Amino acid sequence: MAATYTVGTGKTYSTIQSAVDAVPGDLSGQGLQTVEVYGKVGPPLNTYTEYVDARTGFTNASAADYILITAMISHGGLETSGIIVTNAVGVGFSMAAYGQVEGFNIGPVAHPGGGNAVGVVTGETGATNANIIHDITCANRNAFAIQMRNNAVVYNNICYNIRGNRAIGRSCGILMTALSTVQYLIFNNTVYNVTDIGGAPAFGVYFEGGGNVADEIRNNAVFNSTNQCYIRNGGNQPISTNNMSSDATATAFGGINHYPNRLAVNQFVNIGAGAEDFHLLGTSECVDNGSGQVNPPVNSDIDGNARPMGLGYDISADELVQATINLTNISLGYERFRKNQVMV
C-alpha cells in the first residue's frame, strides 16, 4: 500500500534515515513510498546532519513501487534556504532502483578519506530533480555532485564547488558510466567550478563507457571545470543539443545549437564564492535558447516556475520569469476609452 512518512519537528520521524528505515524492504506491491521532509528546529535551522541510505536492503522496486524523498520547504535556488542535508561521511543520498530525490539543499558533504565524496548516487531508472548540490569535497579521493546509475534521469539541478584530491581517477559534476544497454537523460542542469587539487582531471559532465545512442544531453550550462566542461570517453554519441560551456566542449557530444566559450558572469546573478546565485540574468544567452525536444518533458524549473516562458525554453536549471502583457485586455481597454470620448 502507498504510504507517506513525515520527518521534522513535530512529525512522526526526527531523521530522514529513520523514516527511510520504516519503508518495507521488499517494495513489490507497496506502491509509492513518500518520505516528506519538513522543517526542523535548530540550530542550525532546517538542517539534517546525516547520510541518507535509501538503497541498502531494498528489493523489487518498479515504476509503481519505489521511494520518493522530497523536501517540503523550497530552497528558492539558494544554498542558504530550504531543507539542508549535510555530513562529513562522504555521501548525501544513495537511492534504490526507481528512487527519486527532489528539492533538497545538499552540502557541504565532506569525505574524510578512503572513498569518493558524492552528493547524490541515483537509483537505477531513478530521478534526481531540483536539488542544489554544493561543496562536495574529499580528503584523498575524487568528488562527484551526482553519480548516475543505469537508466537514470537528472534534471533541474544546480551543482557547484565540487573538489576532489587525488592523483588518479577524475572528479565530476555529473558522472555517467554508460553501458550499451542503458539510457541516461541529462536535462537543464547547471554545473560550476569542478576541480581536483590532487592532480586528477576534473570535468563538468563526464560520459564514459559503451554508451547508448538513445542517451540525451540537452539544455545544460556547465562552466569553469579544470579540464573540460563536457567529455565523452569512448562509446556512441548521445543525442546532444542546446548545451552551453565556458570552453569549447559544449559540442563534445556532437549535435546542434550549442553555445561554447561563454562566460558564467554573463549568465548568472552571482558567481562569487559564498554568495552564489545561479538564477539567470535577463541578458543571459541561456534565455529562450534551450530545446523543447526534451522527453520526458521538463515542464518546470528548479524553483517550480513553468517552462517555457518567453519565446522558448531556457538553458540551465533556471527558467527566467518574464513579465507578460495581456494584449486582449489592452485592446478592450482602449476600445472602451475610444467610445467614451466626446468629439468637439
C-alpha atoms as a PDB file:
ATOM      1  CA  MET A   1       0.000   0.000   0.000  1.00  0.00           C
ATOM      2  CA  ALA A   2       1.178   3.509  -0.770  1.00  0.00           C
ATOM      3  CA  ALA A   3       2.363   5.310   2.343  1.00  0.00           C
ATOM      4  CA  THR A   4       3.710   8.680   3.478  1.00  0.00           C
ATOM      5  CA  TYR A   5       6.338   9.156   6.190  1.00  0.00           C
ATOM      6  CA  THR A   6       6.783  12.647   7.648  1.00  0.00           C
ATOM      7  CA  VAL A   7      10.074  13.950   9.024  1.00  0.00           C
ATOM      8  CA  GLY A   8      10.796  17.058  11.097  1.00  0.00           C
ATOM      9  CA  THR A   9       9.984  18.826  14.321  1.00  0.00           C
ATOM     10  CA  GLY A  10       6.586  17.625  15.499  1.00  0.00           C
ATOM     11  CA  LYS A  11       6.415  14.961  12.779  1.00  0.00           C
ATOM     12  CA  THR A  12       6.497  11.171  13.076  1.00  0.00           C
ATOM     13  CA  TYR A  13      10.241  10.854  12.470  1.00  0.00           C
ATOM     14  CA  SER A  14      13.104  13.061  13.592  1.00  0.00           C
ATOM     15  CA  THR A  15      15.606  11.979  10.934  1.00  0.00           C
ATOM     16  CA  ILE A  16      15.305  11.202   7.246  1.00  0.00           C
ATOM     17  CA  GLN A  17      17.069   7.877   7.719  1.00  0.00           C
ATOM     18  CA  SER A  18      14.631   6.700  10.401  1.00  0.00           C
ATOM     19  CA  ALA A  19      11.741   7.363   8.017  1.00  0.00           C
ATOM     20  CA  VAL A  20      13.508   5.502   5.212  1.00  0.00           C
ATOM     21  CA  ASP A  21      14.148   2.592   7.571  1.00  0.00           C
ATOM     22  CA  ALA A  22      10.384   2.348   8.177  1.00  0.00           C
ATOM     23  CA  VAL A  23       9.746   1.653   4.482  1.00  0.00           C
ATOM     24  CA  PRO A  24       9.237  -2.083   3.731  1.00  0.00           C
ATOM     25  CA  GLY A  25      12.420  -3.635   2.357  1.00  0.00           C
ATOM     26  CA  ASP A  26      10.541  -5.618  -0.280  1.00  0.00           C
ATOM     27  CA  LEU A  27       8.918  -2.883  -2.340  1.00  0.00           C
ATOM     28  CA  SER A  28       6.872  -5.226  -4.548  1.00  0.00           C
ATOM     29  CA  GLY A  29       3.213  -4.194  -4.411  1.00  0.00           C
ATOM     30  CA  GLN A  30       3.860  -1.413  -1.888  1.00  0.00           C
ATOM     31  CA  GLY A  31       3.070   1.471  -4.233  1.00  0.00           C
ATOM     32  CA  LEU A  32       4.680   4.882  -3.854  1.00  0.00           C
ATOM     33  CA  GLN A  33       6.534   5.290  -0.551  1.00  0.00           C
ATOM     34  CA  THR A  34       6.870   9.040   0.050  1.00  0.00           C
ATOM     35  CA  VAL A  35       9.225  10.490   2.639  1.00  0.00           C
ATOM     36  CA  GLU A  36       8.248  14.140   3.208  1.00  0.00           C
ATOM     37  CA  VAL A  37      10.917  16.193   4.944  1.00  0.00           C
ATOM     38  CA  TYR A  38       9.688  19.283   6.808  1.00  0.00           C
ATOM     39  CA  GLY A  39      11.386  21.950   8.883  1.00  0.00           C
ATOM     40  CA  LYS A  40      13.463  21.194  11.926  1.00  0.00           C
ATOM     41  CA  VAL A  41      14.172  23.328  14.977  1.00  0.00           C
ATOM     42  CA  GLY A  42      17.814  24.388  15.049  1.00  0.00           C
ATOM     43  CA  PRO A  43      20.396  25.339  15.461  1.00  0.00           C
ATOM     44  CA  PRO A  44      21.108  25.093  12.650  1.00  0.00           C
ATOM     45  CA  LEU A  45      17.601  25.593  11.334  1.00  0.00           C
ATOM     46  CA  ASN A  46      16.101  23.001   8.940  1.00  0.00           C
ATOM     47  CA  THR A  47      19.381  21.074   8.827  1.00  0.00           C
ATOM     48  CA  TYR A  48      19.709  17.275   8.823  1.00  0.00           C
ATOM     49  CA  THR A  49      23.246  16.112   9.506  1.00  0.00           C
ATOM     50  CA  GLU A  50      23.097  12.606   8.106  1.00  0.00           C
ATOM     51  CA  TYR A  51      23.854  10.271   5.240  1.00  0.00           C
ATOM     52  CA  VAL A  52      20.591   9.012   3.786  1.00  0.00           C
ATOM     53  CA  ASP A  53      20.914   5.406   2.599  1.00  0.00           C
ATOM     54  CA  ALA A  54      17.726   4.621   0.687  1.00  0.00           C
ATOM     55  CA  ARG A  55      19.381   1.805  -1.246  1.00  0.00           C
ATOM     56  CA  THR A  56      20.695  -0.883   1.092  1.00  0.00           C
ATOM     57  CA  GLY A  57      18.151  -3.623   1.815  1.00  0.00           C
ATOM     58  CA  PHE A  58      15.523  -2.548  -0.729  1.00  0.00           C
ATOM     59  CA  THR A  59      14.426  -5.008  -3.399  1.00  0.00           C
ATOM     60  CA  ASN A  60      11.832  -5.431  -6.152  1.00  0.00           C
ATOM     61  CA  ALA A  61      11.320  -1.764  -6.894  1.00  0.00           C
ATOM     62  CA  SER A  62       9.393  -0.859 -10.035  1.00  0.00           C
ATOM     63  CA  ALA A  63       7.807   2.104 -11.773  1.00  0.00           C
ATOM     64  CA  ALA A  64       4.812   1.653  -9.429  1.00  0.00           C
ATOM     65  CA  ASP A  65       6.692   0.648  -6.274  1.00  0.00           C
ATOM     66  CA  TYR A  66       9.509   2.980  -5.262  1.00  0.00           C
ATOM     67  CA  ILE A  67      10.777   5.523  -2.725  1.00  0.00           C
ATOM     68  CA  LEU A  68      10.371   9.281  -3.216  1.00  0.00           C
ATOM     69  CA  ILE A  69      12.213  11.584  -0.799  1.00  0.00           C
ATOM     70  CA  THR A  70      11.025  15.167  -1.138  1.00  0.00           C
ATOM     71  CA  ALA A  71      11.843  18.434   0.634  1.00  0.00           C
ATOM     72  CA  MET A  72       8.752  20.295   1.828  1.00  0.00           C
ATOM     73  CA  ILE A  73      10.396  23.725   2.142  1.00  0.00           C
ATOM     74  CA  SER A  74      11.649  25.382  -1.038  1.00  0.00           C
ATOM     75  CA  HIS A  75      15.293  26.418  -1.220  1.00  0.00           C
ATOM     76  CA  GLY A  76      14.455  29.055  -3.824  1.00  0.00           C
ATOM     77  CA  GLY A  77      17.608  28.196  -5.735  1.00  0.00           C
ATOM     78  CA  LEU A  78      19.888  29.390  -2.903  1.00  0.00           C
ATOM     79  CA  GLU A  79      22.123  27.336  -0.606  1.00  0.00           C
ATOM     80  CA  THR A  80      21.090  29.322   2.489  1.00  0.00           C
ATOM     81  CA  SER A  81      17.453  28.188   2.305  1.00  0.00           C
ATOM     82  CA  GLY A  82      15.279  25.089   2.252  1.00  0.00           C
ATOM     83  CA  ILE A  83      15.907  21.658   3.754  1.00  0.00           C
ATOM     84  CA  ILE A  84      19.634  21.180   4.199  1.00  0.00           C
ATOM     85  CA  VAL A  85      21.356  17.783   4.217  1.00  0.00           C
ATOM     86  CA  THR A  86      24.988  17.869   5.257  1.00  0.00           C
ATOM     87  CA  ASN A  87      27.546  15.453   6.702  1.00  0.00           C
ATOM     88  CA  ALA A  88      31.218  14.548   6.997  1.00  0.00           C
ATOM     89  CA  VAL A  89      30.923  10.896   5.953  1.00  0.00           C
ATOM     90  CA  GLY A  90      31.032  11.455   2.214  1.00  0.00           C
ATOM     91  CA  VAL A  91      27.584  10.806   0.653  1.00  0.00           C
ATOM     92  CA  GLY A  92      24.371  12.832   0.808  1.00  0.00           C
ATOM     93  CA  PHE A  93      21.798  10.414  -0.654  1.00  0.00           C
ATOM     94  CA  SER A  94      22.102   6.918  -2.100  1.00  0.00           C
ATOM     95  CA  MET A  95      18.915   5.741  -3.783  1.00  0.00           C
ATOM     96  CA  ALA A  96      17.395   2.357  -4.597  1.00  0.00           C
ATOM     97  CA  ALA A  97      16.159   1.486  -8.078  1.00  0.00           C
ATOM     98  CA  TYR A  98      13.425   3.832  -9.349  1.00  0.00           C
ATOM     99  CA  GLY A  99      14.018   6.057  -6.311  1.00  0.00           C
ATOM    100  CA  GLN A 100      13.671   9.823  -6.552  1.00  0.00           C
ATOM    101  CA  VAL A 101      15.168  12.645  -4.520  1.00  0.00           C
ATOM    102  CA  GLU A 102      13.936  16.185  -5.115  1.00  0.00           C
ATOM    103  CA  GLY A 103      14.142  19.703  -3.808  1.00  0.00           C
ATOM    104  CA  PHE A 104      16.998  19.452  -1.287  1.00  0.00           C
ATOM    105  CA  ASN A 105      19.912  21.699  -0.432  1.00  0.00           C
ATOM    106  CA  ILE A 106      22.723  19.112  -0.254  1.00  0.00           C
ATOM    107  CA  GLY A 107      26.050  20.232   1.152  1.00  0.00           C
ATOM    108  CA  PRO A 108      28.594  20.651   2.390  1.00  0.00           C
ATOM    109  CA  VAL A 109      29.375  16.932   2.134  1.00  0.00           C
ATOM    110  CA  ALA A 110      32.956  16.036   3.001  1.00  0.00           C
ATOM    111  CA  HIS A 111      34.608  12.618   2.876  1.00  0.00           C
ATOM    112  CA  PRO A 112      37.454  12.121   5.350  1.00  0.00           C
ATOM    113  CA  GLY A 113      39.217   9.688   3.014  1.00  0.00           C
ATOM    114  CA  GLY A 114      39.120   6.131   1.739  1.00  0.00           C
ATOM    115  CA  GLY A 115      36.190   6.704  -0.585  1.00  0.00           C
ATOM    116  CA  ASN A 116      34.767   9.201  -3.044  1.00  0.00           C
ATOM    117  CA  ALA A 117      32.587  12.093  -1.924  1.00  0.00           C
ATOM    118  CA  VAL A 118      29.182  12.191  -3.657  1.00  0.00           C
ATOM    119  CA  GLY A 119      26.154  14.437  -3.284  1.00  0.00           C
ATOM    120  CA  VAL A 120      23.625  12.003  -4.784  1.00  0.00           C
ATOM    121  CA  VAL A 121      24.055   8.452  -6.062  1.00  0.00           C
ATOM    122  CA  THR A 122      20.977   7.898  -8.206  1.00  0.00           C
ATOM    123  CA  GLY A 123      18.919   4.735  -8.300  1.00  0.00           C
ATOM    124  CA  GLU A 124      18.705   2.686 -11.480  1.00  0.00           C
ATOM    125  CA  THR A 125      15.854   4.172 -13.532  1.00  0.00           C
ATOM    126  CA  GLY A 126      15.553   6.806 -10.808  1.00  0.00           C
ATOM    127  CA  ALA A 127      15.324  10.589 -10.927  1.00  0.00           C
ATOM    128  CA  THR A 128      17.248  13.411  -9.263  1.00  0.00           C
ATOM    129  CA  ASN A 129      15.448  16.720  -9.635  1.00  0.00           C
ATOM    130  CA  ALA A 130      15.611  20.328  -8.436  1.00  0.00           C
ATOM    131  CA  ASN A 131      18.413  19.940  -5.893  1.00  0.00           C
ATOM    132  CA  ILE A 132      21.207  22.334  -5.039  1.00  0.00           C
ATOM    133  CA  ILE A 133      24.338  20.204  -4.585  1.00  0.00           C
ATOM    134  CA  HIS A 134      27.356  22.178  -3.450  1.00  0.00           C
ATOM    135  CA  ASP A 135      30.699  21.999  -1.671  1.00  0.00           C
ATOM    136  CA  ILE A 136      31.271  18.276  -2.172  1.00  0.00           C
ATOM    137  CA  THR A 137      34.873  17.589  -1.140  1.00  0.00           C
ATOM    138  CA  CYS A 138      37.124  14.625  -0.430  1.00  0.00           C
ATOM    139  CA  ALA A 139      40.349  14.407   1.552  1.00  0.00           C
ATOM    140  CA  ASN A 140      42.118  11.896  -0.682  1.00  0.00           C
ATOM    141  CA  ARG A 141      39.789  10.611  -3.407  1.00  0.00           C
ATOM    142  CA  ASN A 142      37.549  12.021  -6.130  1.00  0.00           C
ATOM    143  CA  ALA A 143      34.348  14.025  -5.751  1.00  0.00           C
ATOM    144  CA  PHE A 144      31.068  13.981  -7.698  1.00  0.00           C
ATOM    145  CA  ALA A 145      27.913  16.036  -7.328  1.00  0.00           C
ATOM    146  CA  ILE A 146      25.770  13.332  -8.980  1.00  0.00           C
ATOM    147  CA  GLN A 147      26.839   9.784  -9.803  1.00  0.00           C
ATOM    148  CA  MET A 148      24.310   8.245 -12.169  1.00  0.00           C
ATOM    149  CA  ARG A 149      23.284   4.604 -12.241  1.00  0.00           C
ATOM    150  CA  ASN A 150      21.716   2.858 -15.215  1.00  0.00           C
ATOM    151  CA  ASN A 151      18.743   4.493 -16.926  1.00  0.00           C
ATOM    152  CA  ALA A 152      18.640   7.462 -14.547  1.00  0.00           C
ATOM    153  CA  VAL A 153      17.304  10.903 -15.379  1.00  0.00           C
ATOM    154  CA  VAL A 154      18.881  14.014 -13.867  1.00  0.00           C
ATOM    155  CA  TYR A 155      17.281  17.430 -14.392  1.00  0.00           C
ATOM    156  CA  ASN A 156      16.960  20.936 -12.936  1.00  0.00           C
ATOM    157  CA  ASN A 157      19.891  20.549 -10.518  1.00  0.00           C
ATOM    158  CA  ILE A 158      22.456  23.200  -9.610  1.00  0.00           C
ATOM    159  CA  CYS A 159      25.867  21.695  -8.796  1.00  0.00           C
ATOM    160  CA  TYR A 160      28.876  23.756  -7.789  1.00  0.00           C
ATOM    161  CA  ASN A 161      32.139  23.755  -5.839  1.00  0.00           C
ATOM    162  CA  ILE A 162      32.955  20.088  -6.374  1.00  0.00           C
ATOM    163  CA  ARG A 163      36.547  19.373  -5.308  1.00  0.00           C
ATOM    164  CA  GLY A 164      38.466  16.120  -5.210  1.00  0.00           C
ATOM    165  CA  ASN A 165      42.012  15.432  -4.035  1.00  0.00           C
ATOM    166  CA  ARG A 166      43.558  12.519  -5.875  1.00  0.00           C
ATOM    167  CA  ALA A 167      46.299  11.927  -8.418  1.00  0.00           C
ATOM    168  CA  ILE A 168      44.237   9.400 -10.418  1.00  0.00           C
ATOM    169  CA  GLY A 169      40.604   8.961 -11.445  1.00  0.00           C
ATOM    170  CA  ARG A 170      38.540  12.091 -12.076  1.00  0.00           C
ATOM    171  CA  SER A 171      36.212  14.452 -10.249  1.00  0.00           C
ATOM    172  CA  CYS A 172      32.962  15.417 -11.944  1.00  0.00           C
ATOM    173  CA  GLY A 173      29.832  17.460 -11.622  1.00  0.00           C
ATOM    174  CA  ILE A 174      27.720  14.724 -13.226  1.00  0.00           C
ATOM    175  CA  LEU A 175      29.257  11.287 -13.834  1.00  0.00           C
ATOM    176  CA  MET A 176      27.805   8.693 -16.195  1.00  0.00           C
ATOM    177  CA  THR A 177      29.472   5.314 -16.623  1.00  0.00           C
ATOM    178  CA  ALA A 178      27.474   4.025 -19.528  1.00  0.00           C
ATOM    179  CA  LEU A 179      26.635   0.567 -20.816  1.00  0.00           C
ATOM    180  CA  SER A 180      25.365  -0.148 -24.304  1.00  0.00           C
ATOM    181  CA  THR A 181      22.035  -1.391 -22.928  1.00  0.00           C
ATOM    182  CA  VAL A 182      21.079   1.561 -20.737  1.00  0.00           C
ATOM    183  CA  GLN A 183      19.930   5.124 -21.230  1.00  0.00           C
ATOM    184  CA  TYR A 184      20.908   8.325 -19.438  1.00  0.00           C
ATOM    185  CA  LEU A 185      18.929  11.556 -19.636  1.00  0.00           C
ATOM    186  CA  ILE A 186      20.526  14.832 -18.507  1.00  0.00           C
ATOM    187  CA  PHE A 187      18.365  17.926 -18.943  1.00  0.00           C
ATOM    188  CA  ASN A 188      18.581  21.539 -17.741  1.00  0.00           C
ATOM    189  CA  ASN A 189      21.344  21.273 -15.151  1.00  0.00           C
ATOM    190  CA  THR A 190      23.774  23.993 -14.067  1.00  0.00           C
ATOM    191  CA  VAL A 191      27.320  22.914 -13.150  1.00  0.00           C
ATOM    192  CA  TYR A 192      30.026  25.302 -11.952  1.00  0.00           C
ATOM    193  CA  ASN A 193      33.561  25.077 -10.541  1.00  0.00           C
ATOM    194  CA  VAL A 194      34.656  21.425 -10.595  1.00  0.00           C
ATOM    195  CA  THR A 195      38.290  20.940  -9.519  1.00  0.00           C
ATOM    196  CA  ASP A 196      40.688  18.321  -8.194  1.00  0.00           C
ATOM    197  CA  ILE A 197      43.609  19.638  -6.169  1.00  0.00           C
ATOM    198  CA  GLY A 198      45.386  16.265  -6.211  1.00  0.00           C
ATOM    199  CA  GLY A 199      46.133  16.462  -9.924  1.00  0.00           C
ATOM    200  CA  ALA A 200      43.379  14.226 -11.305  1.00  0.00           C
ATOM    201  CA  PRO A 201      41.346  15.737 -14.151  1.00  0.00           C
ATOM    202  CA  ALA A 202      38.080  17.472 -13.335  1.00  0.00           C
ATOM    203  CA  PHE A 203      35.064  17.614 -15.633  1.00  0.00           C
ATOM    204  CA  GLY A 204      31.595  19.121 -15.593  1.00  0.00           C
ATOM    205  CA  VAL A 205      29.691  16.309 -17.366  1.00  0.00           C
ATOM    206  CA  TYR A 206      31.603  13.067 -17.901  1.00  0.00           C
ATOM    207  CA  PHE A 207      30.245  10.386 -20.213  1.00  0.00           C
ATOM    208  CA  GLU A 208      32.199   7.121 -20.165  1.00  0.00           C
ATOM    209  CA  GLY A 209      31.836   3.616 -21.499  1.00  0.00           C
ATOM    210  CA  GLY A 210      29.839   1.825 -24.152  1.00  0.00           C
ATOM    211  CA  GLY A 211      27.177   4.433 -24.498  1.00  0.00           C
ATOM    212  CA  ASN A 212      23.718   4.208 -25.980  1.00  0.00           C
ATOM    213  CA  VAL A 213      22.606   6.258 -28.957  1.00  0.00           C
ATOM    214  CA  ALA A 214      19.393   6.960 -27.044  1.00  0.00           C
ATOM    215  CA  ASP A 215      21.216   8.873 -24.283  1.00  0.00           C
ATOM    216  CA  GLU A 216      20.223  12.538 -24.297  1.00  0.00           C
ATOM    217  CA  ILE A 217      22.043  15.605 -23.018  1.00  0.00           C
ATOM    218  CA  ARG A 218      20.112  18.840 -23.555  1.00  0.00           C
ATOM    219  CA  ASN A 219      19.868  22.364 -22.154  1.00  0.00           C
ATOM    220  CA  ASN A 220      22.755  22.114 -19.670  1.00  0.00           C
ATOM    221  CA  ALA A 221      25.001  25.020 -18.650  1.00  0.00           C
ATOM    222  CA  VAL A 222      28.495  23.979 -17.493  1.00  0.00           C
ATOM    223  CA  PHE A 223      31.239  26.407 -16.504  1.00  0.00           C
ATOM    224  CA  ASN A 224      34.722  26.529 -15.016  1.00  0.00           C
ATOM    225  CA  SER A 225      35.771  22.890 -14.813  1.00  0.00           C
ATOM    226  CA  THR A 226      39.535  22.495 -14.552  1.00  0.00           C
ATOM    227  CA  ASN A 227      39.864  20.282 -17.619  1.00  0.00           C
ATOM    228  CA  GLN A 228      36.735  20.115 -19.740  1.00  0.00           C
ATOM    229  CA  CYS A 229      33.133  21.112 -19.204  1.00  0.00           C
ATOM    230  CA  TYR A 230      31.910  18.128 -21.222  1.00  0.00           C
ATOM    231  CA  ILE A 231      33.794  14.977 -22.197  1.00  0.00           C
ATOM    232  CA  ARG A 232      32.894  11.746 -23.951  1.00  0.00           C
ATOM    233  CA  ASN A 233      35.387   8.990 -23.170  1.00  0.00           C
ATOM    234  CA  GLY A 234      34.525   6.390 -25.782  1.00  0.00           C
ATOM    235  CA  GLY A 235      31.178   4.894 -26.673  1.00  0.00           C
ATOM    236  CA  ASN A 236      28.444   6.066 -29.005  1.00  0.00           C
ATOM    237  CA  GLN A 237      27.457   9.676 -29.482  1.00  0.00           C
ATOM    238  CA  PRO A 238      24.448  10.629 -27.356  1.00  0.00           C
ATOM    239  CA  ILE A 239      21.756  12.949 -28.648  1.00  0.00           C
ATOM    240  CA  SER A 240      23.034  16.373 -27.652  1.00  0.00           C
ATOM    241  CA  THR A 241      21.517  19.812 -28.273  1.00  0.00           C
ATOM    242  CA  ASN A 242      21.442  23.301 -26.792  1.00  0.00           C
ATOM    243  CA  ASN A 243      24.247  22.958 -24.248  1.00  0.00           C
ATOM    244  CA  MET A 244      26.444  25.839 -23.038  1.00  0.00           C
ATOM    245  CA  SER A 245      30.025  25.823 -21.735  1.00  0.00           C
ATOM    246  CA  SER A 246      32.811  28.160 -20.695  1.00  0.00           C
ATOM    247  CA  ASP A 247      35.195  26.290 -23.004  1.00  0.00           C
ATOM    248  CA  ALA A 248      34.784  24.807 -26.469  1.00  0.00           C
ATOM    249  CA  THR A 249      33.385  21.454 -25.299  1.00  0.00           C
ATOM    250  CA  ALA A 250      29.645  22.162 -25.444  1.00  0.00           C
ATOM    251  CA  THR A 251      29.991  20.469 -28.834  1.00  0.00           C
ATOM    252  CA  ALA A 252      31.851  17.418 -27.396  1.00  0.00           C
ATOM    253  CA  PHE A 253      28.858  15.132 -27.879  1.00  0.00           C
ATOM    254  CA  GLY A 254      28.063  16.421 -31.356  1.00  0.00           C
ATOM    255  CA  GLY A 255      24.588  17.697 -32.036  1.00  0.00           C
ATOM    256  CA  ILE A 256      23.350  21.203 -32.778  1.00  0.00           C
ATOM    257  CA  ASN A 257      22.515  24.606 -31.292  1.00  0.00           C
ATOM    258  CA  HIS A 258      25.298  24.686 -28.712  1.00  0.00           C
ATOM    259  CA  TYR A 259      26.815  27.744 -27.025  1.00  0.00           C
ATOM    260  CA  PRO A 260      30.532  27.205 -26.341  1.00  0.00           C
ATOM    261  CA  ASN A 261      33.066  29.685 -24.952  1.00  0.00           C
ATOM    262  CA  ARG A 262      30.637  31.705 -22.863  1.00  0.00           C
ATOM    263  CA  LEU A 263      31.339  33.469 -19.566  1.00  0.00           C
ATOM    264  CA  ALA A 264      29.446  32.451 -16.440  1.00  0.00           C
ATOM    265  CA  VAL A 265      29.444  36.043 -15.188  1.00  0.00           C
ATOM    266  CA  ASN A 266      27.300  36.992 -18.180  1.00  0.00           C
ATOM    267  CA  GLN A 267      24.682  34.314 -17.439  1.00  0.00           C
ATOM    268  CA  PHE A 268      24.011  34.268 -13.692  1.00  0.00           C
ATOM    269  CA  VAL A 269      23.060  36.699 -10.951  1.00  0.00           C
ATOM    270  CA  ASN A 270      26.134  35.991  -8.797  1.00  0.00           C
ATOM    271  CA  ILE A 271      29.056  33.553  -9.139  1.00  0.00           C
ATOM    272  CA  GLY A 272      31.010  34.995  -6.213  1.00  0.00           C
ATOM    273  CA  ALA A 273      32.274  32.443  -3.678  1.00  0.00           C
ATOM    274  CA  GLY A 274      29.933  32.247  -0.712  1.00  0.00           C
ATOM    275  CA  ALA A 275      27.222  34.280  -2.428  1.00  0.00           C
ATOM    276  CA  GLU A 276      26.384  32.053  -5.402  1.00  0.00           C
ATOM    277  CA  ASP A 277      23.058  32.683  -7.099  1.00  0.00           C
ATOM    278  CA  PHE A 278      22.608  30.748 -10.338  1.00  0.00           C
ATOM    279  CA  HIS A 279      19.331  32.320 -11.370  1.00  0.00           C
ATOM    280  CA  LEU A 280      19.571  33.714 -14.877  1.00  0.00           C
ATOM    281  CA  LEU A 281      20.203  37.323 -15.729  1.00  0.00           C
ATOM    282  CA  GLY A 282      17.694  38.893 -18.073  1.00  0.00           C
ATOM    283  CA  THR A 283      20.525  39.376 -20.564  1.00  0.00           C
ATOM    284  CA  SER A 284      21.779  35.779 -20.370  1.00  0.00           C
ATOM    285  CA  GLU A 285      22.175  33.842 -23.613  1.00  0.00           C
ATOM    286  CA  CYS A 286      20.572  30.903 -21.807  1.00  0.00           C
ATOM    287  CA  VAL A 287      17.213  32.663 -22.041  1.00  0.00           C
ATOM    288  CA  ASP A 288      14.926  31.254 -24.763  1.00  0.00           C
ATOM    289  CA  ASN A 289      17.799  29.291 -26.360  1.00  0.00           C
ATOM    290  CA  GLY A 290      17.005  25.823 -24.993  1.00  0.00           C
ATOM    291  CA  SER A 291      15.436  22.880 -26.752  1.00  0.00           C
ATOM    292  CA  GLY A 292      11.789  21.942 -26.368  1.00  0.00           C
ATOM    293  CA  GLN A 293      12.569  18.382 -27.525  1.00  0.00           C
ATOM    294  CA  VAL A 294      13.049  17.053 -24.010  1.00  0.00           C
ATOM    295  CA  ASN A 295      11.437  13.701 -23.252  1.00  0.00           C
ATOM    296  CA  PRO A 296      10.166  13.177 -20.639  1.00  0.00           C
ATOM    297  CA  PRO A 297       9.172  16.857 -20.682  1.00  0.00           C
ATOM    298  CA  VAL A 298      10.685  19.219 -18.109  1.00  0.00           C
ATOM    299  CA  ASN A 299       7.697  21.494 -17.535  1.00  0.00           C
ATOM    300  CA  SER A 300       9.081  23.467 -14.597  1.00  0.00           C
ATOM    301  CA  ASP A 301      12.432  24.738 -13.328  1.00  0.00           C
ATOM    302  CA  ILE A 302      14.338  24.336 -10.054  1.00  0.00           C
ATOM    303  CA  ASP A 303      12.025  26.883  -8.381  1.00  0.00           C
ATOM    304  CA  GLY A 304       8.840  25.298  -9.706  1.00  0.00           C
ATOM    305  CA  ASN A 305       8.280  28.017 -12.299  1.00  0.00           C
ATOM    306  CA  ALA A 306       6.651  26.840 -15.512  1.00  0.00           C
ATOM    307  CA  ARG A 307       8.703  26.087 -18.612  1.00  0.00           C
ATOM    308  CA  PRO A 308       8.795  27.596 -21.134  1.00  0.00           C
ATOM    309  CA  MET A 309       8.390  31.320 -20.579  1.00  0.00           C
ATOM    310  CA  GLY A 310       9.050  33.940 -23.196  1.00  0.00           C
ATOM    311  CA  LEU A 311       9.939  32.744 -26.688  1.00  0.00           C
ATOM    312  CA  GLY A 312      11.285  29.319 -25.745  1.00  0.00           C
ATOM    313  CA  TYR A 313      12.837  27.051 -23.146  1.00  0.00           C
ATOM    314  CA  ASP A 314      15.865  28.322 -21.231  1.00  0.00           C
ATOM    315  CA  ILE A 315      19.197  26.554 -20.861  1.00  0.00           C
ATOM    316  CA  SER A 316      20.239  25.751 -17.238  1.00  0.00           C
ATOM    317  CA  ALA A 317      18.274  24.753 -14.135  1.00  0.00           C
ATOM    318  CA  ASP A 318      16.521  28.128 -14.031  1.00  0.00           C
ATOM    319  CA  GLU A 319      13.769  29.478 -16.252  1.00  0.00           C
ATOM    320  CA  LEU A 320      13.795  33.269 -16.256  1.00  0.00           C
ATOM    321  CA  VAL A 321      10.468  34.608 -15.008  1.00  0.00           C
ATOM    322  CA  GLN A 322       9.384  37.015 -17.703  1.00  0.00           C
ATOM    323  CA  ALA A 323       6.626  39.584 -17.486  1.00  0.00           C
ATOM    324  CA  THR A 324       3.730  39.038 -19.868  1.00  0.00           C
ATOM    325  CA  ILE A 325       1.394  41.580 -21.402  1.00  0.00           C
ATOM    326  CA  ASN A 326      -2.267  40.767 -21.897  1.00  0.00           C
ATOM    327  CA  LEU A 327      -2.863  42.261 -25.313  1.00  0.00           C
ATOM    328  CA  THR A 328      -6.550  41.349 -25.260  1.00  0.00           C
ATOM    329  CA  ASN A 329      -7.185  43.399 -22.122  1.00  0.00           C
ATOM    330  CA  ILE A 330      -5.197  46.318 -23.521  1.00  0.00           C
ATOM    331  CA  SER A 331      -7.236  46.233 -26.717  1.00  0.00           C
ATOM    332  CA  LEU A 332     -10.560  46.109 -24.854  1.00  0.00           C
ATOM    333  CA  GLY A 333      -9.457  48.913 -22.550  1.00  0.00           C
ATOM    334  CA  TYR A 334      -8.526  51.113 -25.479  1.00  0.00           C
ATOM    335  CA  GLU A 335     -11.872  50.414 -27.186  1.00  0.00           C
ATOM    336  CA  ARG A 336     -13.777  51.481 -24.049  1.00  0.00           C
ATOM    337  CA  PHE A 337     -11.645  54.628 -23.850  1.00  0.00           C
ATOM    338  CA  ARG A 338     -12.305  55.486 -27.516  1.00  0.00           C
ATOM    339  CA  LYS A 339     -16.061  55.037 -27.204  1.00  0.00           C
ATOM    340  CA  ASN A 340     -16.234  57.318 -24.150  1.00  0.00           C
ATOM    341  CA  GLN A 341     -14.510  60.227 -25.820  1.00  0.00           C
ATOM    342  CA  VAL A 342     -16.551  63.367 -26.608  1.00  0.00           C
ATOM    343  CA  MET A 343     -15.946  64.691 -30.067  1.00  0.00           C
ATOM    344  CA  VAL A 344     -15.617  68.506 -30.259  1.00  0.00           C
END
